[in-house]
Protein backbone atom coordinates (compact mmCIF):
# COMPACT_ATOMS: atom_id res chain seq x y z
CA MET A 1 -18.92 43.23 -19.79
CA ALA A 2 -20.81 46.37 -19.13
CA ARG A 3 -23.52 44.23 -17.67
CA LEU A 4 -20.76 42.36 -15.32
CA ARG A 5 -19.40 45.44 -14.25
CA ARG A 6 -22.89 46.80 -13.11
CA ALA A 7 -23.11 43.69 -11.22
CA THR A 8 -20.12 43.79 -9.65
CA ASP A 9 -20.74 47.35 -8.33
CA SER A 10 -24.19 46.65 -6.97
CA TRP A 11 -23.76 42.66 -6.10
CA CYS A 12 -27.13 42.55 -6.63
CA GLU A 13 -28.33 43.00 -10.25
CA PRO A 14 -31.24 40.90 -11.58
CA LEU A 15 -31.08 38.08 -13.12
CA LEU A 16 -30.83 38.13 -16.52
CA GLU A 17 -32.97 35.46 -18.99
CA PRO A 18 -30.87 32.71 -20.53
CA GLU A 19 -31.66 34.03 -24.30
CA GLN A 20 -30.37 37.64 -23.38
CA CYS A 21 -27.12 35.96 -21.73
CA PRO A 22 -24.25 35.88 -24.04
CA CYS A 23 -22.12 33.62 -21.64
CA GLU A 24 -25.49 31.01 -21.97
CA ARG A 25 -23.16 29.65 -24.95
CA LEU A 26 -20.43 28.48 -22.52
CA PRO A 27 -20.53 24.91 -21.49
CA ASP A 28 -21.12 24.48 -17.94
CA VAL A 29 -17.82 22.84 -17.43
CA VAL A 30 -15.71 25.71 -18.92
CA LEU A 31 -17.71 28.11 -16.86
CA CYS A 32 -16.96 26.07 -13.58
CA ARG A 33 -13.30 26.14 -14.44
CA ILE A 34 -13.27 30.01 -14.76
CA PHE A 35 -14.86 30.32 -11.55
CA MET A 36 -12.41 28.21 -9.79
CA LEU A 37 -9.95 31.01 -10.89
CA LEU A 38 -11.75 33.56 -8.77
CA PRO A 39 -12.16 34.39 -5.40
CA PRO A 40 -14.94 32.56 -3.69
CA ARG A 41 -16.48 35.72 -2.20
CA LEU A 42 -16.75 37.20 -6.05
CA VAL A 43 -18.57 34.06 -7.15
CA ALA A 44 -21.08 34.20 -4.18
CA ARG A 45 -21.85 37.63 -4.37
CA VAL A 46 -21.15 38.73 -7.82
CA CYS A 47 -21.14 36.07 -10.19
CA SER A 48 -24.68 34.47 -8.95
CA PHE A 49 -26.55 37.52 -9.75
CA VAL A 50 -25.26 37.96 -13.23
CA CYS A 51 -27.53 35.32 -15.34
CA ARG A 52 -29.39 32.01 -14.50
CA SER A 53 -26.44 30.03 -15.98
CA TRP A 54 -23.88 31.50 -13.76
CA ARG A 55 -26.30 31.06 -10.58
CA ASP A 56 -26.57 27.54 -11.35
CA VAL A 57 -22.86 27.14 -12.28
CA SER A 58 -21.73 29.02 -8.35
CA LEU A 59 -24.28 26.60 -6.56
CA ASP A 60 -22.41 23.66 -8.09
CA PRO A 61 -20.91 21.32 -5.26
CA SER A 62 -17.91 20.25 -7.31
CA LEU A 63 -16.91 23.82 -7.23
CA TRP A 64 -17.33 24.38 -3.41
CA SER A 65 -15.72 21.38 -2.76
CA TYR A 66 -12.86 22.51 -4.77
CA TYR A 67 -12.44 26.11 -2.90
CA CYS A 68 -12.98 24.23 0.63
CA GLN A 69 -10.44 21.39 -0.21
CA ASN A 70 -7.99 24.02 -0.86
CA THR A 71 -8.11 25.25 2.23
CA GLY A 72 -7.37 22.28 4.27
CA LEU A 73 -11.07 21.20 4.99
CA ARG A 74 -12.15 17.66 4.45
CA SER A 75 -14.96 15.59 3.35
CA ALA A 76 -15.34 14.54 7.27
CA ASP A 77 -15.97 18.40 7.90
CA GLU A 78 -18.50 18.49 5.23
CA ILE A 79 -20.49 15.71 6.53
CA LYS A 80 -20.98 17.54 9.98
CA LEU A 81 -22.85 20.51 8.45
CA SER A 82 -26.13 20.53 6.47
CA GLY A 83 -26.08 22.30 3.35
CA GLY A 84 -23.02 20.79 1.37
CA TRP A 85 -19.72 22.49 0.77
CA ARG A 86 -20.96 25.73 -0.10
CA ALA A 87 -22.66 25.99 3.65
CA LEU A 88 -19.36 24.79 4.67
CA PHE A 89 -17.53 27.45 3.19
CA ILE A 90 -19.68 30.15 4.48
CA ALA A 91 -19.65 28.63 7.96
CA VAL A 92 -15.72 28.79 8.18
CA PHE A 93 -15.38 31.99 6.25
CA GLY A 94 -18.42 34.23 6.63
CA PRO A 95 -19.27 34.81 10.19
CA ASN A 96 -17.75 37.54 12.47
CA LEU A 97 -16.01 35.63 15.10
CA VAL A 98 -15.96 38.24 17.72
CA GLY A 99 -19.47 37.67 19.73
CA SER A 100 -20.28 41.29 20.33
CA PRO A 101 -18.58 43.81 17.95
CA CYS A 102 -20.06 47.04 19.29
CA PHE A 103 -20.28 45.86 23.16
CA ARG A 104 -23.90 45.07 23.77
CA PRO A 105 -24.49 43.69 27.05
CA ILE A 106 -26.13 40.47 27.37
CA GLU A 107 -29.29 40.13 29.71
CA GLN A 108 -29.75 36.87 32.14
CA LEU A 109 -32.23 35.49 29.65
CA GLU A 110 -29.80 35.16 26.84
CA VAL A 111 -27.56 34.24 29.37
CA ASP A 112 -29.49 31.04 30.16
CA GLN A 113 -30.80 30.18 26.64
CA ALA A 114 -26.88 29.99 25.72
CA LYS A 115 -26.13 27.44 28.45
CA SER A 116 -28.90 25.43 27.51
CA LYS A 117 -27.91 25.12 23.74
CA ALA A 118 -24.52 23.09 22.92
CA PRO A 119 -22.34 25.05 20.22
CA GLY A 120 -22.88 23.61 16.41
CA PRO A 121 -20.10 22.96 14.20
CA TRP A 122 -18.01 25.34 13.19
CA GLU A 123 -19.58 27.92 15.59
CA PRO A 124 -16.85 29.81 17.69
CA LYS A 125 -17.00 29.81 21.49
CA HIS A 126 -17.55 33.00 23.51
CA ARG A 127 -17.02 33.45 27.35
CA VAL A 128 -19.99 35.33 29.43
CA ILE A 129 -18.94 37.28 32.17
CA LEU A 130 -20.38 40.02 34.42
CA ASP A 131 -20.69 43.32 32.61
CA ARG A 132 -18.07 45.53 34.33
CA ILE A 133 -18.24 48.28 31.52
CA ALA A 134 -19.53 51.26 32.99
CA VAL A 135 -22.12 53.66 31.41
CA LEU A 136 -22.02 57.52 32.25
CA ASP A 137 -25.16 58.65 34.26
CA ASP A 138 -25.94 55.30 35.91
CA VAL A 139 -27.23 55.61 39.29
CA GLU A 140 -26.30 52.08 40.35
CA GLU A 141 -24.96 49.05 38.64
CA ASN A 142 -26.90 46.18 36.76
CA TYR A 143 -25.64 43.28 38.50
CA HIS A 144 -27.80 41.09 36.28
CA SER A 145 -26.19 42.28 32.75
CA TYR A 146 -23.41 40.39 31.09
CA SER A 147 -20.94 40.62 28.44
CA HIS A 148 -18.62 38.81 26.01
CA TRP A 149 -16.23 41.49 27.20
CA GLY A 150 -14.10 41.73 30.00
CA VAL A 151 -11.89 44.96 31.21
CA GLU A 152 -8.70 44.17 31.77
CA ALA A 153 -7.52 43.82 35.57
CA GLY A 154 -11.23 44.60 35.77
CA SER A 155 -13.11 44.02 39.33
CA GLN A 156 -16.35 45.96 41.22
CA PHE A 157 -13.63 48.46 42.25
CA HIS A 158 -11.13 48.28 39.49
CA ARG A 159 -11.97 49.06 36.06
CA GLY A 160 -8.74 49.39 34.02
CA GLY A 161 -6.27 52.38 33.36
CA GLY A 162 -6.95 56.05 34.50
CA ASP A 163 -10.71 56.50 35.12
CA GLY A 164 -11.65 53.51 33.04
CA VAL A 165 -13.76 52.62 30.10
CA VAL A 166 -17.70 53.74 29.69
CA ARG A 167 -20.04 52.59 26.75
CA GLU A 168 -21.63 55.46 25.28
CA ASN A 169 -24.30 55.85 23.21
CA PRO A 170 -24.44 58.24 21.35
CA PRO A 171 -20.88 59.12 21.56
CA VAL A 172 -19.79 62.05 23.53
CA ASP A 173 -18.22 64.71 21.18
CA CYS A 174 -17.75 62.68 18.27
CA SER A 175 -19.68 61.67 15.21
CA PRO A 176 -21.48 58.30 15.25
CA CYS A 177 -19.31 55.64 13.80
CA PRO A 178 -20.20 55.49 10.05
CA SER A 179 -20.10 51.69 9.81
CA VAL A 180 -22.67 51.48 12.95
CA PRO A 181 -24.23 54.50 13.30
CA LEU A 182 -26.88 53.30 15.91
CA GLU A 183 -24.40 51.31 18.01
CA SER A 184 -22.35 51.84 21.06
CA VAL A 185 -18.69 52.56 21.48
CA ILE A 186 -16.26 52.40 24.00
CA ALA A 187 -14.62 55.67 25.51
CA THR A 188 -11.35 55.60 27.38
CA SER A 189 -9.45 57.79 29.41
CA HIS A 190 -6.20 59.31 30.39
CA ASP A 191 -4.22 56.37 30.66
CA TRP A 192 -4.58 52.79 28.85
CA GLY A 193 -8.30 51.49 29.08
CA ARG A 194 -8.18 47.88 27.87
CA LEU A 195 -11.09 45.64 26.74
CA GLN A 196 -10.69 41.49 25.91
CA HIS A 197 -12.37 38.83 24.67
CA TYR A 198 -11.79 35.15 24.41
CA ILE A 199 -12.96 33.30 21.33
CA GLY A 200 -12.65 29.47 21.28
CA PHE A 201 -12.44 27.27 18.54
CA GLN A 202 -12.97 23.69 20.30
CA THR A 203 -15.74 22.80 17.27
CA PHE A 204 -13.31 23.41 14.56
CA SER A 205 -11.43 21.08 12.55
CA ASN A 206 -7.71 20.75 13.96
CA LYS A 207 -6.80 19.72 10.52
CA PHE A 208 -7.57 23.16 9.23
CA LEU A 209 -6.49 25.07 12.42
CA ASP A 210 -2.84 23.87 11.92
CA GLN A 211 -3.01 25.02 8.62
CA SER A 212 -2.63 28.59 10.21
CA PRO A 213 -5.46 29.92 8.19
CA PRO A 214 -5.10 33.83 7.85
CA PHE A 215 -7.38 36.15 9.80
CA VAL A 216 -8.39 39.43 8.68
CA LEU A 217 -8.95 42.09 11.68
CA THR A 218 -10.85 44.97 11.71
CA ALA A 219 -11.97 47.75 14.10
CA TRP A 220 -13.53 51.42 14.10
CA PHE A 221 -11.84 54.34 16.08
CA ALA A 222 -11.59 58.17 16.67
CA ALA A 223 -10.84 60.55 19.35
CA ARG A 224 -12.78 62.47 21.09
CA ARG A 225 -13.21 66.19 19.68
CA GLY A 226 -9.98 68.17 20.52
CA SER A 227 -8.57 65.69 22.35
CA PRO A 228 -6.17 63.57 20.27
CA GLY A 229 -5.36 59.84 21.33
CA LEU A 230 -3.95 56.41 20.59
CA PHE A 231 -5.43 53.30 20.02
CA ARG A 232 -4.01 49.71 19.83
CA ILE A 233 -4.68 45.81 19.30
CA ASN A 234 -3.35 43.04 20.48
CA LEU A 235 -4.28 39.22 19.30
CA LEU A 236 -2.95 36.55 21.79
CA LEU A 237 -2.91 33.33 19.57
CA ARG A 238 -3.17 30.04 22.37
CA ASP A 239 -3.34 26.44 22.09
CA ASP A 240 -5.79 23.48 23.68
CA LEU A 241 -3.91 23.90 26.94
CA LYS A 242 -4.46 28.15 26.87
CA ASN A 243 -0.75 28.67 26.44
CA CYS A 244 0.25 31.53 24.50
CA LYS A 245 1.61 30.49 21.16
CA SER A 246 2.20 33.91 19.36
CA VAL A 247 1.20 37.37 20.20
CA TRP A 248 0.09 39.91 17.71
CA ASP A 249 0.60 43.73 17.97
CA SER A 250 -0.92 46.40 15.97
CA GLY A 251 1.29 48.88 16.93
CA ILE A 252 0.47 52.32 18.53
CA ILE A 253 -1.97 54.23 16.25
CA ASN A 254 -2.66 57.75 16.53
CA ALA A 255 -6.36 58.91 16.56
CA LYS A 256 -8.15 61.46 15.06
CA ASP A 257 -11.27 63.69 15.34
CA GLU A 258 -12.65 61.29 12.19
CA TRP A 259 -13.66 57.83 12.43
CA GLN A 260 -10.92 55.65 10.82
CA GLN A 261 -11.03 52.03 10.29
CA ALA A 262 -7.96 49.87 11.43
CA LYS A 263 -7.22 46.93 8.97
CA PHE A 264 -4.84 44.16 9.24
CA ILE A 265 -4.28 40.59 7.83
CA ILE A 266 -2.59 37.87 10.52
CA LYS A 267 -0.68 35.34 8.95
CA ASP A 268 2.45 33.01 9.02
CA TYR A 269 1.62 32.40 13.00
CA ASN A 270 2.39 29.32 14.35
CA LYS A 271 0.48 26.33 14.31
CA GLY A 272 -1.67 24.79 16.81
CA VAL A 273 -3.69 27.83 17.82
CA ARG A 274 -7.18 26.79 19.59
CA SER A 275 -8.28 30.00 20.80
CA VAL A 276 -7.62 33.38 20.49
CA MET A 277 -7.42 36.68 22.86
CA VAL A 278 -8.78 39.86 21.14
CA LYS A 279 -7.48 43.17 23.20
CA LEU A 280 -8.35 46.70 22.49
CA ALA A 281 -6.70 49.67 24.42
CA GLY A 282 -7.35 53.24 23.61
CA LYS A 283 -6.19 56.67 25.97
CA CYS A 284 -5.79 60.04 25.10
CA THR A 285 -2.57 61.90 25.04
CA THR A 286 -3.70 64.91 26.98
CA GLY A 287 -3.80 63.59 30.54
CA GLU A 288 -7.02 64.81 31.11
CA ARG A 289 -9.21 63.30 33.81
CA GLY A 290 -12.69 61.80 32.65
CA PHE A 291 -13.30 60.01 29.51
CA TYR A 292 -11.46 61.76 26.88
CA GLY A 293 -9.43 58.85 25.46
CA THR A 294 -10.09 57.25 22.31
CA LYS A 295 -12.93 55.54 21.39
CA PHE A 296 -13.30 52.23 19.34
CA THR A 297 -16.14 49.95 18.47
CA ASP A 298 -17.43 47.56 15.44
CA VAL A 299 -14.72 44.97 16.05
CA ARG A 300 -14.76 42.05 13.30
CA LEU A 301 -12.27 38.83 12.89
CA HIS A 302 -12.67 36.47 10.14
CA PHE A 303 -10.82 33.65 8.88
CA ILE A 304 -9.89 34.10 5.18
CA PRO A 305 -8.94 31.45 2.57
CA ILE A 306 -5.17 31.41 1.65
CA CYS A 307 -5.83 32.12 -1.84
CA GLU A 308 -7.48 35.44 -0.91
CA ILE A 309 -4.39 36.79 0.52
CA LYS A 310 -3.32 38.92 -2.59
CA ASN A 311 -6.57 40.68 -2.35
CA TYR A 312 -5.87 42.07 1.13
CA ALA A 313 -2.61 44.11 -0.27
CA ASP A 314 -3.74 47.06 1.25
CA PHE A 315 -3.95 46.13 4.73
CA ASP A 316 -1.23 46.19 7.64
CA GLU A 317 0.30 43.17 8.74
CA GLY A 318 1.24 44.48 12.14
CA VAL A 319 3.91 42.35 13.93
CA PHE A 320 4.67 39.41 16.47
CA LEU A 321 6.27 40.15 19.86
CA ASP A 322 7.64 37.95 22.45
CA SER A 323 5.00 39.28 25.20
CA VAL A 324 2.05 41.20 25.49
CA ALA A 325 2.23 45.18 26.31
């Protein structure tokens, strides 16, 4: 058990030889039944590194077939993806659904390459638009740069509430974000500066989506030093005609000088969701001109299996609204 605890802490414990591992005496079928009671992420990231016997069982197709079919995935979904049930589970529940979590601008070459490539199975679709996020000290705008994020109500002349939003790297009067210290952050102003990001599920199974699989949503945010701020997230859940079925709201959160991670689980929403719109907003409370509002970055959105909801008991749930604020 001490060996298992060390593996759980490091997630990369070297494999034991079979004769060293006391679990080698367990029949594979028994070990597989035990693994079925564990969270799939624990099996993939921890159990598979304990010993060779555990690794072999953690790769068993019947184990991952059980995990997948318990989340609404079917044999028809597995056929679309090479690599079997395990690859299907990782494709659905592994990647960050957000196209650019740190608001990186996209160059023309990347846009051309994306247009020539058809999205694969279980690959979210993202819109690419002209980059209207300003950068401090830019002499002139780069009209050949694009982004997955749009400034709400943004145009060449209007960049959102207050003085708008800017991309900062490094953050001004603020320490780097601990999760992504080398990446850009968005800084807001004296009125709500809002960004929005489209995520489409056109290549996802409708049967899976109609199970209303839970989302986990996280983002890092902080106030500029000496200038307290506010932060808010909305998630618009839309059907195949882009009609809004549900509006989820984090509520208004106070931002401090230190970076904080907002952590939410979104569940029990109306079925029929085929795309989502992520909306982030920040502002300062002092009313100063300039970019003294809340900063945010590293936005992540994941599907999680229903069986793992209990592992996110410390995550807030937010509320569902009649309309977006």
